[in-house]
Amino acid sequence: MEEYACAILLDGNRLLLGRRSAHRRAYAGCWDVIGGRVEPGEALHAALARELEEELGIVPTQYRPLVALRDTTQRGEATYHFFTVTAWRGGAPAIRDDEHSELGWFTVDEACALDGLAIEEYRMLFRTLGLA
């Protein structure tokens, strides 16, 4: 089973999502949190930091584990370990690779109303964040 470290970046009452590029094998064109596969022998927090640096050019400085969800759809069997990230170094997050075609900051209501979320459980997960 694959494991993934996933970041829900929070800025005030908004959260950051990325639209996965059309060429991606899994969840192409869907809105998704930022993150990626945990490498063999890699700790979850190290994978979180590596993925955020690779994809957004930032380094998380304040984060906490939120929940782990299992998914058995497009990627086969996987466990997604979600972290809320409330502070980082490196300035504003920006696309640094070809994994995402755009980034967007959304309120919980806006994020839950999006068509094409990568995982349907995101709607429930976003509502647990307690953002006003």
Protein backbone atom coordinates (compact mmCIF):
# COMPACT_ATOMS: atom_id res chain seq x y z
CA MET A 1 0.00 0.00 0.00
CA GLU A 2 1.28 3.44 -0.92
CA GLU A 3 1.44 6.23 1.67
CA TYR A 4 1.12 9.94 0.91
CA ALA A 5 1.85 13.06 2.97
CA CYS A 6 -0.71 15.77 2.18
CA ALA A 7 -0.78 19.42 3.22
CA ILE A 8 -3.82 21.59 3.78
CA LEU A 9 -2.24 25.04 3.81
CA LEU A 10 -4.29 27.54 5.79
CA ASP A 11 -4.18 31.32 5.52
CA GLY A 12 -6.79 32.96 7.73
CA ASN A 13 -10.12 31.47 6.67
CA ARG A 14 -8.85 30.10 3.35
CA LEU A 15 -7.20 26.88 2.26
CA LEU A 16 -4.94 26.24 -0.72
CA LEU A 17 -5.80 23.72 -3.43
CA GLY A 18 -4.05 22.91 -6.68
CA ARG A 19 -5.69 21.82 -9.93
CA ARG A 20 -3.83 18.73 -11.10
CA SER A 21 -2.40 19.05 -14.59
CA ALA A 22 -4.26 17.37 -17.46
CA HIS A 23 -1.37 14.97 -18.16
CA ARG A 24 -1.34 13.49 -14.63
CA ARG A 25 -2.20 9.81 -14.44
CA ALA A 26 -4.36 10.13 -11.33
CA TYR A 27 -7.03 12.77 -10.79
CA ALA A 28 -6.14 14.78 -13.90
CA GLY A 29 -7.86 18.18 -13.89
CA CYS A 30 -9.15 17.71 -10.33
CA TRP A 31 -8.68 20.08 -7.41
CA ASP A 32 -6.43 18.47 -4.81
CA VAL A 33 -4.41 19.23 -1.71
CA ILE A 34 -0.65 19.51 -2.12
CA GLY A 35 1.47 16.48 -1.33
CA GLY A 36 2.89 13.26 -2.61
CA ARG A 37 4.21 9.78 -2.06
CA VAL A 38 6.25 8.92 1.02
CA GLU A 39 9.53 7.37 -0.12
CA PRO A 40 10.73 4.09 1.45
CA GLY A 41 12.25 4.80 4.87
CA GLU A 42 11.08 8.44 4.83
CA ALA A 43 9.23 9.88 7.83
CA LEU A 44 5.84 11.47 7.15
CA HIS A 45 6.97 14.95 8.25
CA ALA A 46 10.05 14.69 6.02
CA ALA A 47 7.88 13.71 3.04
CA LEU A 48 5.56 16.64 3.78
CA ALA A 49 8.48 19.10 3.81
CA ARG A 50 10.03 17.61 0.65
CA GLU A 51 6.77 17.70 -1.31
CA LEU A 52 5.99 21.30 -0.33
CA GLU A 53 9.49 22.39 -1.32
CA GLU A 54 9.33 20.56 -4.66
CA GLU A 55 5.81 21.66 -5.61
CA LEU A 56 5.45 25.12 -4.03
CA GLY A 57 8.93 26.30 -3.04
CA ILE A 58 8.04 26.57 0.66
CA VAL A 59 9.20 24.91 3.87
CA PRO A 60 6.56 24.24 6.54
CA THR A 61 7.40 25.67 9.97
CA GLN A 62 4.09 25.10 11.80
CA TYR A 63 2.02 22.04 11.02
CA ARG A 64 0.09 19.30 12.78
CA PRO A 65 -1.33 15.92 11.82
CA LEU A 66 -5.05 16.03 11.05
CA VAL A 67 -6.30 12.63 9.88
CA ALA A 68 -5.40 9.64 7.71
CA LEU A 69 -7.81 8.53 4.97
CA ARG A 70 -7.73 5.41 2.82
CA ASP A 71 -8.51 5.56 -0.89
CA THR A 72 -8.95 2.63 -3.22
CA THR A 73 -9.97 4.33 -6.45
CA GLN A 74 -7.62 5.88 -9.03
CA ARG A 75 -4.30 5.16 -7.29
CA GLY A 76 -5.08 1.69 -6.06
CA GLU A 77 -4.92 1.19 -2.31
CA ALA A 78 -3.36 4.16 -0.54
CA THR A 79 -3.32 5.95 2.79
CA TYR A 80 -3.28 9.75 2.74
CA HIS A 81 -1.85 11.38 5.86
CA PHE A 82 -3.20 14.94 6.09
CA PHE A 83 -1.50 17.79 7.92
CA THR A 84 -2.72 21.32 8.45
CA VAL A 85 0.08 23.79 7.69
CA THR A 86 -0.34 27.24 9.22
CA ALA A 87 3.11 28.78 8.69
CA TRP A 88 5.96 28.36 6.23
CA ARG A 89 9.17 29.93 4.95
CA GLY A 90 9.72 30.86 1.33
CA GLY A 91 7.04 33.46 0.65
CA ALA A 92 3.80 32.90 -1.21
CA PRO A 93 3.29 29.35 -2.49
CA ALA A 94 3.85 29.16 -6.26
CA ILE A 95 3.81 26.35 -8.80
CA ARG A 96 7.35 25.00 -9.23
CA ASP A 97 6.77 21.85 -11.28
CA ASP A 98 4.28 20.45 -13.76
CA GLU A 99 2.08 18.57 -11.27
CA HIS A 100 -0.48 21.39 -10.99
CA SER A 101 -1.76 23.79 -13.63
CA GLU A 102 -3.11 26.35 -11.14
CA LEU A 103 -3.38 27.15 -7.46
CA GLY A 104 -6.30 28.74 -5.66
CA TRP A 105 -7.15 29.94 -2.17
CA PHE A 106 -10.70 29.01 -1.17
CA THR A 107 -13.00 29.40 1.80
CA VAL A 108 -14.37 26.08 3.05
CA ASP A 109 -17.71 26.76 1.35
CA GLU A 110 -16.00 27.60 -1.94
CA ALA A 111 -13.78 24.50 -1.75
CA CYS A 112 -16.74 22.25 -0.94
CA ALA A 113 -18.70 23.67 -3.89
CA LEU A 114 -15.95 22.88 -6.42
CA ASP A 115 -16.74 20.36 -9.11
CA GLY A 116 -14.01 17.79 -9.56
CA LEU A 117 -12.43 17.41 -6.14
CA ALA A 118 -9.87 14.60 -6.27
CA ILE A 119 -11.40 12.75 -3.33
CA GLU A 120 -15.06 13.14 -2.35
CA GLU A 121 -14.17 12.92 1.36
CA TYR A 122 -12.44 16.31 1.06
CA ARG A 123 -15.82 18.03 1.53
CA MET A 124 -16.21 16.43 4.98
CA LEU A 125 -12.54 16.97 5.81
CA PHE A 126 -12.59 20.68 4.93
CA ARG A 127 -15.66 21.21 7.13
CA THR A 128 -13.76 19.81 10.14
CA LEU A 129 -11.10 22.54 9.90
CA GLY A 130 -13.15 25.02 11.94
CA LEU A 131 -12.50 27.95 9.59
CA ALA A 132 -14.99 30.83 9.80
